[in-house]
Amino acid sequence: MTNLTRREFLKLGGGALAGVASLPLPPRAQIAREKVRLGRITDWSVRVRAEPDHSAPTVRYQRLDDTVAYFEEVEAEGLNPHNPIWFRVIGGYIYSSYVQPVEIHLNTPLQHIPSAGLWGEISIPYTNARYTPSPDVGGSYRLRYSSVYRIAEAVWGTDHQLWYRLHSSQSPTARRYVPAAHVRPIYPQDLEPISPCVRAKRIKVSLADQLLVAFENNRPVFETRISGGTGGDRSTPTGHHHITFKAPSRHMVGDTYNLPGVPFDSYFWGAVAIHGAYWHNDFGRPRSHGCVNVPSEAAKWIFRWTQPVTPYEDDGLRVQEGGTPVIVS
């Protein structure tokens, strides 16, 4: 995590970090005593409560993409039965389901990108993709922490800084540029398969418990809370499936959502996948359009552990058989 003083907050600067730079900070003595952690607000409007209680008075509102400093995790009753965590912030408490924990990691830009490209993830609360490598032009998308993209090339921007052009297999002609310092490269060794010699693997998804468990030879080796489908035509399909398509990143678009860079997607039934979700921290209760939402790091683990193994250079790999079984009940 990040220990930040007021000077360090302000030094970050830039439009993408403006929300961080404007944070109210506690007295310096308090900063010295407590570790500052950061969270990005994921809903349009979130209440800061006087106490960790949904009926407590509202102190103020935080808006979408505000970056807040929090100092403590407090257990109390929450709206999500599987999530009792509240974050103590300046002047009150925010329920953690509405806050994506983030970090600020500014990377050393790479001037030379391999011809096949590199995968990379956004490593600050958010950054704005531009149509050209310039902070003075309009943006195409807001790219949020832990979302993943293919880095196609590095170019010098009008600000005399290196920018990355990001490539999307779903929109190959789109021009999207972001400051290179805002993207953490994901190298081939970061995506090496986990337990590649184990053949008896399977995933069990319990919609009743909103829980995913991975098994090797009937032994559980990994588990994570999920957010499954909300029901009706947004239900997660039950039954015995297997993974048929995997991609490190997908741009998912629907009637009510437009989500670039969805990380580490493992599809097991048509357009239904296990994938990372950066747009909420509400794992443990249904809220998806049918997919199985998991934290981004959990999605990365599942992506590396399951079959088929997707070549690093490819945008995705589809198979008819041999994919890891996924049992949903």
C-alpha atoms as a PDB file:
ATOM      1  CA  MET A   1       0.000   0.000   0.000  1.00  0.00           C
ATOM      2  CA  THR A   2       0.964   3.659  -0.283  1.00  0.00           C
ATOM      3  CA  ASN A   3       2.011   6.041   2.472  1.00  0.00           C
ATOM      4  CA  LEU A   4       1.282   9.551   1.200  1.00  0.00           C
ATOM      5  CA  THR A   5       1.894  12.997   2.636  1.00  0.00           C
ATOM      6  CA  ARG A   6       0.079  16.079   1.387  1.00  0.00           C
ATOM      7  CA  ARG A   7       3.137  17.066  -0.645  1.00  0.00           C
ATOM      8  CA  GLU A   8       3.239  13.626  -2.296  1.00  0.00           C
ATOM      9  CA  PHE A   9      -0.463  13.856  -3.146  1.00  0.00           C
ATOM     10  CA  LEU A  10      -0.005  17.229  -4.781  1.00  0.00           C
ATOM     11  CA  LYS A  11       3.117  16.201  -6.654  1.00  0.00           C
ATOM     12  CA  LEU A  12       1.127  13.532  -8.499  1.00  0.00           C
ATOM     13  CA  GLY A  13      -0.782  16.235 -10.369  1.00  0.00           C
ATOM     14  CA  GLY A  14      -2.300  15.789 -13.831  1.00  0.00           C
ATOM     15  CA  GLY A  15      -5.897  15.493 -14.947  1.00  0.00           C
ATOM     16  CA  ALA A  16      -6.043  11.762 -14.335  1.00  0.00           C
ATOM     17  CA  LEU A  17      -4.992  12.259 -10.704  1.00  0.00           C
ATOM     18  CA  ALA A  18      -6.876  15.467 -10.003  1.00  0.00           C
ATOM     19  CA  GLY A  19      -9.299  13.658  -7.704  1.00  0.00           C
ATOM     20  CA  VAL A  20      -6.416  12.357  -5.624  1.00  0.00           C
ATOM     21  CA  ALA A  21      -4.629  15.701  -5.444  1.00  0.00           C
ATOM     22  CA  SER A  22      -7.732  17.439  -4.103  1.00  0.00           C
ATOM     23  CA  LEU A  23      -8.320  14.987  -1.271  1.00  0.00           C
ATOM     24  CA  PRO A  24      -8.779  16.446   2.198  1.00  0.00           C
ATOM     25  CA  LEU A  25      -5.980  15.076   4.344  1.00  0.00           C
ATOM     26  CA  PRO A  26      -5.713  14.685   8.112  1.00  0.00           C
ATOM     27  CA  PRO A  27      -3.112  16.515  10.196  1.00  0.00           C
ATOM     28  CA  ARG A  28       0.503  15.529   9.591  1.00  0.00           C
ATOM     29  CA  ALA A  29       0.728  13.881  13.017  1.00  0.00           C
ATOM     30  CA  GLN A  30      -2.138  11.582  12.109  1.00  0.00           C
ATOM     31  CA  ILE A  31      -0.532  10.695   8.789  1.00  0.00           C
ATOM     32  CA  ALA A  32       2.599   9.680  10.685  1.00  0.00           C
ATOM     33  CA  ARG A  33       0.574   7.306  12.870  1.00  0.00           C
ATOM     34  CA  GLU A  34      -1.649   5.713  10.252  1.00  0.00           C
ATOM     35  CA  LYS A  35      -1.127   4.062   6.892  1.00  0.00           C
ATOM     36  CA  VAL A  36      -3.106   5.780   4.157  1.00  0.00           C
ATOM     37  CA  ARG A  37      -4.848   3.471   1.718  1.00  0.00           C
ATOM     38  CA  LEU A  38      -6.800   4.565  -1.315  1.00  0.00           C
ATOM     39  CA  GLY A  39     -10.140   3.664  -2.840  1.00  0.00           C
ATOM     40  CA  ARG A  40     -11.971   4.741  -5.987  1.00  0.00           C
ATOM     41  CA  ILE A  41     -15.705   5.429  -5.707  1.00  0.00           C
ATOM     42  CA  THR A  42     -17.539   3.054  -8.069  1.00  0.00           C
ATOM     43  CA  ASP A  43     -21.132   4.377  -7.887  1.00  0.00           C
ATOM     44  CA  TRP A  44     -22.520   7.695  -9.104  1.00  0.00           C
ATOM     45  CA  SER A  45     -23.096   8.939  -5.567  1.00  0.00           C
ATOM     46  CA  VAL A  46     -22.037   7.354  -2.281  1.00  0.00           C
ATOM     47  CA  ARG A  47     -22.805   8.529   1.251  1.00  0.00           C
ATOM     48  CA  VAL A  48     -20.162   9.056   3.875  1.00  0.00           C
ATOM     49  CA  ARG A  49     -21.910   8.125   7.132  1.00  0.00           C
ATOM     50  CA  ALA A  50     -21.187   9.435  10.607  1.00  0.00           C
ATOM     51  CA  GLU A  51     -20.961   5.825  11.830  1.00  0.00           C
ATOM     52  CA  PRO A  52     -20.511   2.437  10.084  1.00  0.00           C
ATOM     53  CA  ASP A  53     -24.282   2.038   9.802  1.00  0.00           C
ATOM     54  CA  HIS A  54     -26.555   2.560   6.799  1.00  0.00           C
ATOM     55  CA  SER A  55     -29.044   4.422   9.004  1.00  0.00           C
ATOM     56  CA  ALA A  56     -26.446   6.830  10.409  1.00  0.00           C
ATOM     57  CA  PRO A  57     -26.549  10.509   9.362  1.00  0.00           C
ATOM     58  CA  THR A  58     -24.930  11.459   6.061  1.00  0.00           C
ATOM     59  CA  VAL A  59     -21.787  13.554   6.472  1.00  0.00           C
ATOM     60  CA  ARG A  60     -21.251  14.204   2.758  1.00  0.00           C
ATOM     61  CA  TYR A  61     -21.430  12.556  -0.653  1.00  0.00           C
ATOM     62  CA  GLN A  62     -18.590  11.170  -2.768  1.00  0.00           C
ATOM     63  CA  ARG A  63     -19.037  10.949  -6.541  1.00  0.00           C
ATOM     64  CA  LEU A  64     -18.021   8.413  -9.160  1.00  0.00           C
ATOM     65  CA  ASP A  65     -14.226   8.151  -9.551  1.00  0.00           C
ATOM     66  CA  ASP A  66     -13.456  10.290  -6.513  1.00  0.00           C
ATOM     67  CA  THR A  67     -10.353   8.859  -4.864  1.00  0.00           C
ATOM     68  CA  VAL A  68     -10.661   8.707  -1.087  1.00  0.00           C
ATOM     69  CA  ALA A  69      -8.084   7.999   1.579  1.00  0.00           C
ATOM     70  CA  TYR A  70      -9.079   5.453   4.212  1.00  0.00           C
ATOM     71  CA  PHE A  71      -7.285   4.505   7.380  1.00  0.00           C
ATOM     72  CA  GLU A  72      -9.025   1.487   8.848  1.00  0.00           C
ATOM     73  CA  GLU A  73     -11.338  -1.399   7.969  1.00  0.00           C
ATOM     74  CA  VAL A  74     -14.214  -1.735  10.423  1.00  0.00           C
ATOM     75  CA  GLU A  75     -16.605  -4.690  10.665  1.00  0.00           C
ATOM     76  CA  ALA A  76     -20.284  -3.777  10.991  1.00  0.00           C
ATOM     77  CA  GLU A  77     -23.569  -4.779   9.383  1.00  0.00           C
ATOM     78  CA  GLY A  78     -23.744  -4.079   5.659  1.00  0.00           C
ATOM     79  CA  LEU A  79     -26.236  -4.400   2.811  1.00  0.00           C
ATOM     80  CA  ASN A  80     -24.240  -7.314   1.392  1.00  0.00           C
ATOM     81  CA  PRO A  81     -24.562 -10.253   3.831  1.00  0.00           C
ATOM     82  CA  HIS A  82     -21.087 -11.465   2.816  1.00  0.00           C
ATOM     83  CA  ASN A  83     -19.395  -8.081   3.215  1.00  0.00           C
ATOM     84  CA  PRO A  84     -19.291  -6.533   6.712  1.00  0.00           C
ATOM     85  CA  ILE A  85     -16.413  -4.143   5.918  1.00  0.00           C
ATOM     86  CA  TRP A  86     -16.627  -0.350   6.176  1.00  0.00           C
ATOM     87  CA  PHE A  87     -13.743   2.025   5.447  1.00  0.00           C
ATOM     88  CA  ARG A  88     -12.992   4.800   7.929  1.00  0.00           C
ATOM     89  CA  VAL A  89     -12.331   7.982   5.953  1.00  0.00           C
ATOM     90  CA  ILE A  90     -11.993  11.663   6.801  1.00  0.00           C
ATOM     91  CA  GLY A  91     -15.025  12.557   8.898  1.00  0.00           C
ATOM     92  CA  GLY A  92     -16.887   9.254   8.706  1.00  0.00           C
ATOM     93  CA  TYR A  93     -17.318   5.831   7.109  1.00  0.00           C
ATOM     94  CA  ILE A  94     -18.029   4.455   3.620  1.00  0.00           C
ATOM     95  CA  TYR A  95     -19.402   0.981   2.973  1.00  0.00           C
ATOM     96  CA  SER A  96     -16.659  -0.885   1.117  1.00  0.00           C
ATOM     97  CA  SER A  97     -18.967  -2.404  -1.532  1.00  0.00           C
ATOM     98  CA  TYR A  98     -18.966   1.030  -3.191  1.00  0.00           C
ATOM     99  CA  VAL A  99     -15.180   1.480  -3.145  1.00  0.00           C
ATOM    100  CA  GLN A 100     -12.564  -0.224  -5.317  1.00  0.00           C
ATOM    101  CA  PRO A 101      -9.270  -0.460  -3.376  1.00  0.00           C
ATOM    102  CA  VAL A 102      -6.592   1.078  -5.585  1.00  0.00           C
ATOM    103  CA  GLU A 103      -2.966   2.132  -5.545  1.00  0.00           C
ATOM    104  CA  ILE A 104      -0.985   4.797  -7.326  1.00  0.00           C
ATOM    105  CA  HIS A 105       1.884   3.142  -9.149  1.00  0.00           C
ATOM    106  CA  LEU A 106       3.674   5.311 -11.714  1.00  0.00           C
ATOM    107  CA  ASN A 107       5.726   3.126 -14.050  1.00  0.00           C
ATOM    108  CA  THR A 108       8.970   3.704 -15.896  1.00  0.00           C
ATOM    109  CA  PRO A 109       7.886   4.036 -19.558  1.00  0.00           C
ATOM    110  CA  LEU A 110       9.179   1.564 -22.121  1.00  0.00           C
ATOM    111  CA  GLN A 111      10.368   3.265 -25.278  1.00  0.00           C
ATOM    112  CA  HIS A 112      10.508   0.052 -27.324  1.00  0.00           C
ATOM    113  CA  ILE A 113       7.512  -2.305 -27.427  1.00  0.00           C
ATOM    114  CA  PRO A 114       7.838  -5.791 -29.038  1.00  0.00           C
ATOM    115  CA  SER A 115       6.157  -6.091 -32.430  1.00  0.00           C
ATOM    116  CA  ALA A 116       3.531  -8.439 -30.942  1.00  0.00           C
ATOM    117  CA  GLY A 117       2.841  -5.941 -28.182  1.00  0.00           C
ATOM    118  CA  LEU A 118       2.659  -6.294 -24.407  1.00  0.00           C
ATOM    119  CA  TRP A 119      -0.276  -6.659 -22.093  1.00  0.00           C
ATOM    120  CA  GLY A 120      -0.641  -3.949 -19.486  1.00  0.00           C
ATOM    121  CA  GLU A 121      -2.956  -2.891 -16.668  1.00  0.00           C
ATOM    122  CA  ILE A 122      -3.929   0.550 -15.458  1.00  0.00           C
ATOM    123  CA  SER A 123      -2.019   1.171 -12.215  1.00  0.00           C
ATOM    124  CA  ILE A 124      -3.548   4.447 -10.982  1.00  0.00           C
ATOM    125  CA  PRO A 125      -7.177   5.082  -9.941  1.00  0.00           C
ATOM    126  CA  TYR A 126      -8.095   6.081 -13.504  1.00  0.00           C
ATOM    127  CA  THR A 127      -6.681   7.667 -16.627  1.00  0.00           C
ATOM    128  CA  ASN A 128      -8.349   9.109 -19.727  1.00  0.00           C
ATOM    129  CA  ALA A 129      -7.557   7.578 -23.110  1.00  0.00           C
ATOM    130  CA  ARG A 130      -7.029  10.258 -25.783  1.00  0.00           C
ATOM    131  CA  TYR A 131      -7.539  10.206 -29.541  1.00  0.00           C
ATOM    132  CA  THR A 132      -3.948  11.425 -29.979  1.00  0.00           C
ATOM    133  CA  PRO A 133      -0.970  11.401 -27.586  1.00  0.00           C
ATOM    134  CA  SER A 134      -1.721  14.776 -26.089  1.00  0.00           C
ATOM    135  CA  PRO A 135      -3.291  15.885 -22.785  1.00  0.00           C
ATOM    136  CA  ASP A 136      -5.008  18.717 -24.674  1.00  0.00           C
ATOM    137  CA  VAL A 137      -7.282  16.616 -26.916  1.00  0.00           C
ATOM    138  CA  GLY A 138     -10.591  14.916 -26.199  1.00  0.00           C
ATOM    139  CA  GLY A 139     -10.839  11.554 -24.529  1.00  0.00           C
ATOM    140  CA  SER A 140     -12.310   8.356 -25.938  1.00  0.00           C
ATOM    141  CA  TYR A 141     -12.717   6.349 -22.708  1.00  0.00           C
ATOM    142  CA  ARG A 142     -11.958   6.544 -19.031  1.00  0.00           C
ATOM    143  CA  LEU A 143      -9.769   3.577 -18.158  1.00  0.00           C
ATOM    144  CA  ARG A 144      -9.928   2.466 -14.544  1.00  0.00           C
ATOM    145  CA  TYR A 145      -7.594   0.737 -12.131  1.00  0.00           C
ATOM    146  CA  SER A 146      -6.797  -2.937 -12.909  1.00  0.00           C
ATOM    147  CA  SER A 147      -8.414  -2.898 -16.372  1.00  0.00           C
ATOM    148  CA  VAL A 148      -6.200  -4.593 -18.988  1.00  0.00           C
ATOM    149  CA  TYR A 149      -5.207  -3.643 -22.551  1.00  0.00           C
ATOM    150  CA  ARG A 150      -2.720  -4.581 -25.260  1.00  0.00           C
ATOM    151  CA  ILE A 151       0.112  -2.056 -25.550  1.00  0.00           C
ATOM    152  CA  ALA A 152       0.742  -1.734 -29.290  1.00  0.00           C
ATOM    153  CA  GLU A 153       3.452   0.935 -29.410  1.00  0.00           C
ATOM    154  CA  ALA A 154       5.150   3.738 -27.502  1.00  0.00           C
ATOM    155  CA  VAL A 155       5.137   7.247 -28.992  1.00  0.00           C
ATOM    156  CA  TRP A 156       6.252  10.681 -27.858  1.00  0.00           C
ATOM    157  CA  GLY A 157       3.404  13.001 -26.998  1.00  0.00           C
ATOM    158  CA  THR A 158       2.999  16.741 -27.392  1.00  0.00           C
ATOM    159  CA  ASP A 159       3.932  17.033 -23.705  1.00  0.00           C
ATOM    160  CA  HIS A 160       7.360  15.461 -24.475  1.00  0.00           C
ATOM    161  CA  GLN A 161       6.376  12.360 -22.477  1.00  0.00           C
ATOM    162  CA  LEU A 162       6.000   8.774 -23.664  1.00  0.00           C
ATOM    163  CA  TRP A 163       2.466   7.575 -24.354  1.00  0.00           C
ATOM    164  CA  TYR A 164       1.213   4.086 -25.200  1.00  0.00           C
ATOM    165  CA  ARG A 165      -1.164   3.339 -28.025  1.00  0.00           C
ATOM    166  CA  LEU A 166      -3.578   0.662 -26.832  1.00  0.00           C
ATOM    167  CA  HIS A 167      -4.969  -1.944 -29.202  1.00  0.00           C
ATOM    168  CA  SER A 168      -8.371  -3.613 -28.903  1.00  0.00           C
ATOM    169  CA  SER A 169      -9.228  -6.711 -30.915  1.00  0.00           C
ATOM    170  CA  GLN A 170     -12.891  -5.653 -30.785  1.00  0.00           C
ATOM    171  CA  SER A 171     -12.088  -2.161 -32.152  1.00  0.00           C
ATOM    172  CA  PRO A 172      -8.854  -2.619 -34.127  1.00  0.00           C
ATOM    173  CA  THR A 173      -9.031   0.799 -35.841  1.00  0.00           C
ATOM    174  CA  ALA A 174      -9.642   2.792 -32.654  1.00  0.00           C
ATOM    175  CA  ARG A 175      -6.871   5.185 -31.618  1.00  0.00           C
ATOM    176  CA  ARG A 176      -6.451   5.252 -27.856  1.00  0.00           C
ATOM    177  CA  TYR A 177      -3.432   6.782 -26.186  1.00  0.00           C
ATOM    178  CA  VAL A 178      -2.609   6.990 -22.477  1.00  0.00           C
ATOM    179  CA  PRO A 179       0.452   8.265 -20.597  1.00  0.00           C
ATOM    180  CA  ALA A 180       2.883   5.358 -20.411  1.00  0.00           C
ATOM    181  CA  ALA A 181       3.505   5.927 -16.711  1.00  0.00           C
ATOM    182  CA  HIS A 182      -0.120   4.986 -15.992  1.00  0.00           C
ATOM    183  CA  VAL A 183       0.196   1.442 -17.393  1.00  0.00           C
ATOM    184  CA  ARG A 184       1.986  -1.421 -15.636  1.00  0.00           C
ATOM    185  CA  PRO A 185       3.303  -3.927 -18.204  1.00  0.00           C
ATOM    186  CA  ILE A 186       2.241  -7.548 -17.754  1.00  0.00           C
ATOM    187  CA  TYR A 187       5.077  -9.735 -19.018  1.00  0.00           C
ATOM    188  CA  PRO A 188       4.815 -13.339 -20.270  1.00  0.00           C
ATOM    189  CA  GLN A 189       6.199 -14.690 -16.990  1.00  0.00           C
ATOM    190  CA  ASP A 190       3.377 -12.905 -15.145  1.00  0.00           C
ATOM    191  CA  LEU A 191       0.863 -15.088 -17.007  1.00  0.00           C
ATOM    192  CA  GLU A 192       2.657 -18.426 -16.811  1.00  0.00           C
ATOM    193  CA  PRO A 193       0.245 -21.328 -16.152  1.00  0.00           C
ATOM    194  CA  ILE A 194      -0.382 -22.415 -12.574  1.00  0.00           C
ATOM    195  CA  SER A 195      -0.194 -26.171 -11.888  1.00  0.00           C
ATOM    196  CA  PRO A 196       0.017 -27.004 -15.619  1.00  0.00           C
ATOM    197  CA  CYS A 197       0.711 -30.698 -14.988  1.00  0.00           C
ATOM    198  CA  VAL A 198      -2.431 -31.254 -12.905  1.00  0.00           C
ATOM    199  CA  ARG A 199      -5.155 -32.723 -15.121  1.00  0.00           C
ATOM    200  CA  ALA A 200      -7.985 -33.191 -12.624  1.00  0.00           C
ATOM    201  CA  LYS A 201      -9.064 -29.572 -12.282  1.00  0.00           C
ATOM    202  CA  ARG A 202     -12.561 -28.209 -11.936  1.00  0.00           C
ATOM    203  CA  ILE A 203     -14.358 -25.063 -10.794  1.00  0.00           C
ATOM    204  CA  LYS A 204     -17.524 -25.076  -8.708  1.00  0.00           C
ATOM    205  CA  VAL A 205     -19.672 -21.950  -8.562  1.00  0.00           C
ATOM    206  CA  SER A 206     -22.347 -21.773  -5.869  1.00  0.00           C
ATOM    207  CA  LEU A 207     -24.949 -19.127  -6.687  1.00  0.00           C
ATOM    208  CA  ALA A 208     -26.594 -19.616  -3.276  1.00  0.00           C
ATOM    209  CA  ASP A 209     -23.339 -18.815  -1.493  1.00  0.00           C
ATOM    210  CA  GLN A 210     -21.966 -16.486  -4.215  1.00  0.00           C
ATOM    211  CA  LEU A 211     -18.728 -18.428  -3.989  1.00  0.00           C
ATOM    212  CA  LEU A 212     -16.272 -19.914  -6.495  1.00  0.00           C
ATOM    213  CA  VAL A 213     -13.968 -22.773  -5.467  1.00  0.00           C
ATOM    214  CA  ALA A 214     -11.209 -24.305  -7.618  1.00  0.00           C
ATOM    215  CA  PHE A 215     -10.296 -27.968  -7.079  1.00  0.00           C
ATOM    216  CA  GLU A 216      -7.268 -30.074  -7.956  1.00  0.00           C
ATOM    217  CA  ASN A 217      -7.896 -33.825  -7.554  1.00  0.00           C
ATOM    218  CA  ASN A 218     -10.928 -33.042  -5.335  1.00  0.00           C
ATOM    219  CA  ARG A 219      -8.789 -30.803  -3.121  1.00  0.00           C
ATOM    220  CA  PRO A 220      -9.819 -27.124  -2.885  1.00  0.00           C
ATOM    221  CA  VAL A 221      -6.879 -24.878  -3.805  1.00  0.00           C
ATOM    222  CA  PHE A 222      -8.510 -21.476  -4.294  1.00  0.00           C
ATOM    223  CA  GLU A 223     -11.751 -19.702  -3.502  1.00  0.00           C
ATOM    224  CA  THR A 224     -13.211 -16.241  -3.989  1.00  0.00           C
ATOM    225  CA  ARG A 225     -16.507 -14.450  -3.529  1.00  0.00           C
ATOM    226  CA  ILE A 226     -18.396 -13.730  -6.741  1.00  0.00           C
ATOM    227  CA  SER A 227     -21.202 -11.609  -8.057  1.00  0.00           C
ATOM    228  CA  GLY A 228     -23.422 -13.761 -10.239  1.00  0.00           C
ATOM    229  CA  GLY A 229     -26.409 -12.891 -12.394  1.00  0.00           C
ATOM    230  CA  THR A 230     -29.346 -11.012 -10.941  1.00  0.00           C
ATOM    231  CA  GLY A 231     -32.009 -13.403 -12.291  1.00  0.00           C
ATOM    232  CA  GLY A 232     -34.430 -13.684 -15.201  1.00  0.00           C
ATOM    233  CA  ASP A 233     -32.675 -13.070 -18.496  1.00  0.00           C
ATOM    234  CA  ARG A 234     -29.637 -12.036 -16.443  1.00  0.00           C
ATOM    235  CA  SER A 235     -29.259 -15.378 -14.678  1.00  0.00           C
ATOM    236  CA  THR A 236     -25.969 -17.240 -14.579  1.00  0.00           C
ATOM    237  CA  PRO A 237     -26.623 -20.554 -16.392  1.00  0.00           C
ATOM    238  CA  THR A 238     -26.539 -23.538 -14.067  1.00  0.00           C
ATOM    239  CA  GLY A 239     -25.259 -26.981 -15.032  1.00  0.00           C
ATOM    240  CA  HIS A 240     -22.020 -28.615 -16.139  1.00  0.00           C
ATOM    241  CA  HIS A 241     -19.981 -26.502 -18.554  1.00  0.00           C
ATOM    242  CA  HIS A 242     -16.358 -26.161 -19.579  1.00  0.00           C
ATOM    243  CA  ILE A 243     -14.193 -23.245 -20.589  1.00  0.00           C
ATOM    244  CA  THR A 244     -14.402 -22.654 -24.324  1.00  0.00           C
ATOM    245  CA  PHE A 245     -12.714 -19.265 -24.826  1.00  0.00           C
ATOM    246  CA  LYS A 246     -10.143 -17.246 -22.885  1.00  0.00           C
ATOM    247  CA  ALA A 247      -8.871 -13.706 -23.410  1.00  0.00           C
ATOM    248  CA  PRO A 248      -6.678 -11.454 -21.274  1.00  0.00           C
ATOM    249  CA  SER A 249      -8.938  -8.487 -22.057  1.00  0.00           C
ATOM    250  CA  ARG A 250     -12.363  -7.838 -23.572  1.00  0.00           C
ATOM    251  CA  HIS A 251     -14.379  -4.713 -24.250  1.00  0.00           C
ATOM    252  CA  MET A 252     -17.868  -5.638 -23.048  1.00  0.00           C
ATOM    253  CA  VAL A 253     -20.820  -3.631 -24.312  1.00  0.00           C
ATOM    254  CA  GLY A 254     -24.503  -4.152 -23.542  1.00  0.00           C
ATOM    255  CA  ASP A 255     -27.769  -2.282 -23.290  1.00  0.00           C
ATOM    256  CA  THR A 256     -26.787  -0.611 -20.003  1.00  0.00           C
ATOM    257  CA  TYR A 257     -22.992  -0.934 -19.849  1.00  0.00           C
ATOM    258  CA  ASN A 258     -19.841  -0.117 -21.803  1.00  0.00           C
ATOM    259  CA  LEU A 259     -16.774  -1.617 -20.112  1.00  0.00           C
ATOM    260  CA  PRO A 260     -13.369  -1.449 -21.812  1.00  0.00           C
ATOM    261  CA  GLY A 261     -10.494  -3.616 -20.670  1.00  0.00           C
ATOM    262  CA  VAL A 262     -12.449  -6.222 -18.677  1.00  0.00           C
ATOM    263  CA  PRO A 263      -9.580  -8.290 -17.264  1.00  0.00           C
ATOM    264  CA  PHE A 264      -8.847 -12.005 -17.611  1.00  0.00           C
ATOM    265  CA  ASP A 265     -11.948 -13.515 -19.163  1.00  0.00           C
ATOM    266  CA  SER A 266     -12.674 -17.246 -19.065  1.00  0.00           C
ATOM    267  CA  TYR A 267     -15.865 -17.996 -21.037  1.00  0.00           C
ATOM    268  CA  PHE A 268     -17.768 -21.181 -20.251  1.00  0.00           C
ATOM    269  CA  TRP A 269     -21.249 -20.747 -21.783  1.00  0.00           C
ATOM    270  CA  GLY A 270     -21.753 -18.583 -24.868  1.00  0.00           C
ATOM    271  CA  ALA A 271     -21.053 -14.983 -23.853  1.00  0.00           C
ATOM    272  CA  VAL A 272     -20.955 -15.848 -20.140  1.00  0.00           C
ATOM    273  CA  ALA A 273     -17.526 -15.675 -18.509  1.00  0.00           C
ATOM    274  CA  ILE A 274     -15.670 -15.638 -15.238  1.00  0.00           C
ATOM    275  CA  HIS A 275     -13.876 -12.283 -15.316  1.00  0.00           C
ATOM    276  CA  GLY A 276     -12.485  -9.483 -13.210  1.00  0.00           C
ATOM    277  CA  ALA A 277     -14.734  -6.554 -12.278  1.00  0.00           C
ATOM    278  CA  TYR A 278     -13.254  -3.133 -11.562  1.00  0.00           C
ATOM    279  CA  TRP A 279     -16.619  -1.333 -11.504  1.00  0.00           C
ATOM    280  CA  HIS A 280     -17.679  -2.546  -8.047  1.00  0.00           C
ATOM    281  CA  ASN A 281     -16.387  -4.142  -4.864  1.00  0.00           C
ATOM    282  CA  ASP A 282     -19.688  -5.850  -4.050  1.00  0.00           C
ATOM    283  CA  PHE A 283     -18.602  -9.482  -4.317  1.00  0.00           C
ATOM    284  CA  GLY A 284     -20.837 -11.810  -2.361  1.00  0.00           C
ATOM    285  CA  ARG A 285     -24.220 -10.882  -3.817  1.00  0.00           C
ATOM    286  CA  PRO A 286     -25.757 -11.029  -7.346  1.00  0.00           C
ATOM    287  CA  ARG A 287     -25.288  -7.963  -9.540  1.00  0.00           C
ATOM    288  CA  SER A 288     -24.074  -9.109 -12.981  1.00  0.00           C
ATOM    289  CA  HIS A 289     -25.837  -9.589 -16.325  1.00  0.00           C
ATOM    290  CA  GLY A 290     -25.140 -13.324 -16.063  1.00  0.00           C
ATOM    291  CA  CYS A 291     -21.356 -13.478 -15.909  1.00  0.00           C
ATOM    292  CA  VAL A 292     -19.405 -14.469 -12.820  1.00  0.00           C
ATOM    293  CA  ASN A 293     -17.725 -11.302 -11.525  1.00  0.00           C
ATOM    294  CA  VAL A 294     -14.662 -11.807  -9.329  1.00  0.00           C
ATOM    295  CA  PRO A 295     -11.918  -9.446  -8.084  1.00  0.00           C
ATOM    296  CA  SER A 296      -9.345  -8.725 -10.774  1.00  0.00           C
ATOM    297  CA  GLU A 297      -6.523 -10.583  -9.040  1.00  0.00           C
ATOM    298  CA  ALA A 298      -8.774 -13.626  -8.623  1.00  0.00           C
ATOM    299  CA  ALA A 299      -9.658 -13.488 -12.328  1.00  0.00           C
ATOM    300  CA  LYS A 300      -5.954 -13.432 -13.178  1.00  0.00           C
ATOM    301  CA  TRP A 301      -5.323 -16.516 -11.012  1.00  0.00           C
ATOM    302  CA  ILE A 302      -8.234 -18.391 -12.630  1.00  0.00           C
ATOM    303  CA  PHE A 303      -7.030 -17.349 -16.098  1.00  0.00           C
ATOM    304  CA  ARG A 304      -3.568 -18.759 -15.389  1.00  0.00           C
ATOM    305  CA  TRP A 305      -4.819 -21.928 -13.702  1.00  0.00           C
ATOM    306  CA  THR A 306      -7.479 -23.077 -16.155  1.00  0.00           C
ATOM    307  CA  GLN A 307      -7.262 -24.808 -19.517  1.00  0.00           C
ATOM    308  CA  PRO A 308      -6.796 -23.950 -22.327  1.00  0.00           C
ATOM    309  CA  VAL A 309      -3.525 -22.068 -21.982  1.00  0.00           C
ATOM    310  CA  THR A 310      -3.799 -18.888 -24.037  1.00  0.00           C
ATOM    311  CA  PRO A 311      -0.591 -17.906 -25.880  1.00  0.00           C
ATOM    312  CA  TYR A 312       0.690 -14.563 -24.619  1.00  0.00           C
ATOM    313  CA  GLU A 313       0.820 -13.096 -28.132  1.00  0.00           C
ATOM    314  CA  ASP A 314      -2.843 -13.903 -28.864  1.00  0.00           C
ATOM    315  CA  ASP A 315      -5.883 -11.769 -28.058  1.00  0.00           C
ATOM    316  CA  GLY A 316      -7.746 -14.969 -27.189  1.00  0.00           C
ATOM    317  CA  LEU A 317      -8.014 -18.716 -27.712  1.00  0.00           C
ATOM    318  CA  ARG A 318     -11.133 -20.749 -28.481  1.00  0.00           C
ATOM    319  CA  VAL A 319     -11.427 -24.531 -28.076  1.00  0.00           C
ATOM    320  CA  GLN A 320     -14.192 -27.071 -28.647  1.00  0.00           C
ATOM    321  CA  GLU A 321     -13.067 -29.464 -25.920  1.00  0.00           C
ATOM    322  CA  GLY A 322     -10.467 -29.884 -23.221  1.00  0.00           C
ATOM    323  CA  GLY A 323     -11.324 -26.738 -21.296  1.00  0.00           C
ATOM    324  CA  THR A 324     -11.501 -26.847 -17.511  1.00  0.00           C
ATOM    325  CA  PRO A 325     -14.956 -27.956 -16.258  1.00  0.00           C
ATOM    326  CA  VAL A 326     -17.112 -25.269 -14.627  1.00  0.00           C
ATOM    327  CA  ILE A 327     -20.041 -26.551 -12.525  1.00  0.00           C
ATOM    328  CA  VAL A 328     -22.638 -23.932 -11.605  1.00  0.00           C
ATOM    329  CA  SER A 329     -25.365 -24.718  -9.091  1.00  0.00           C
END
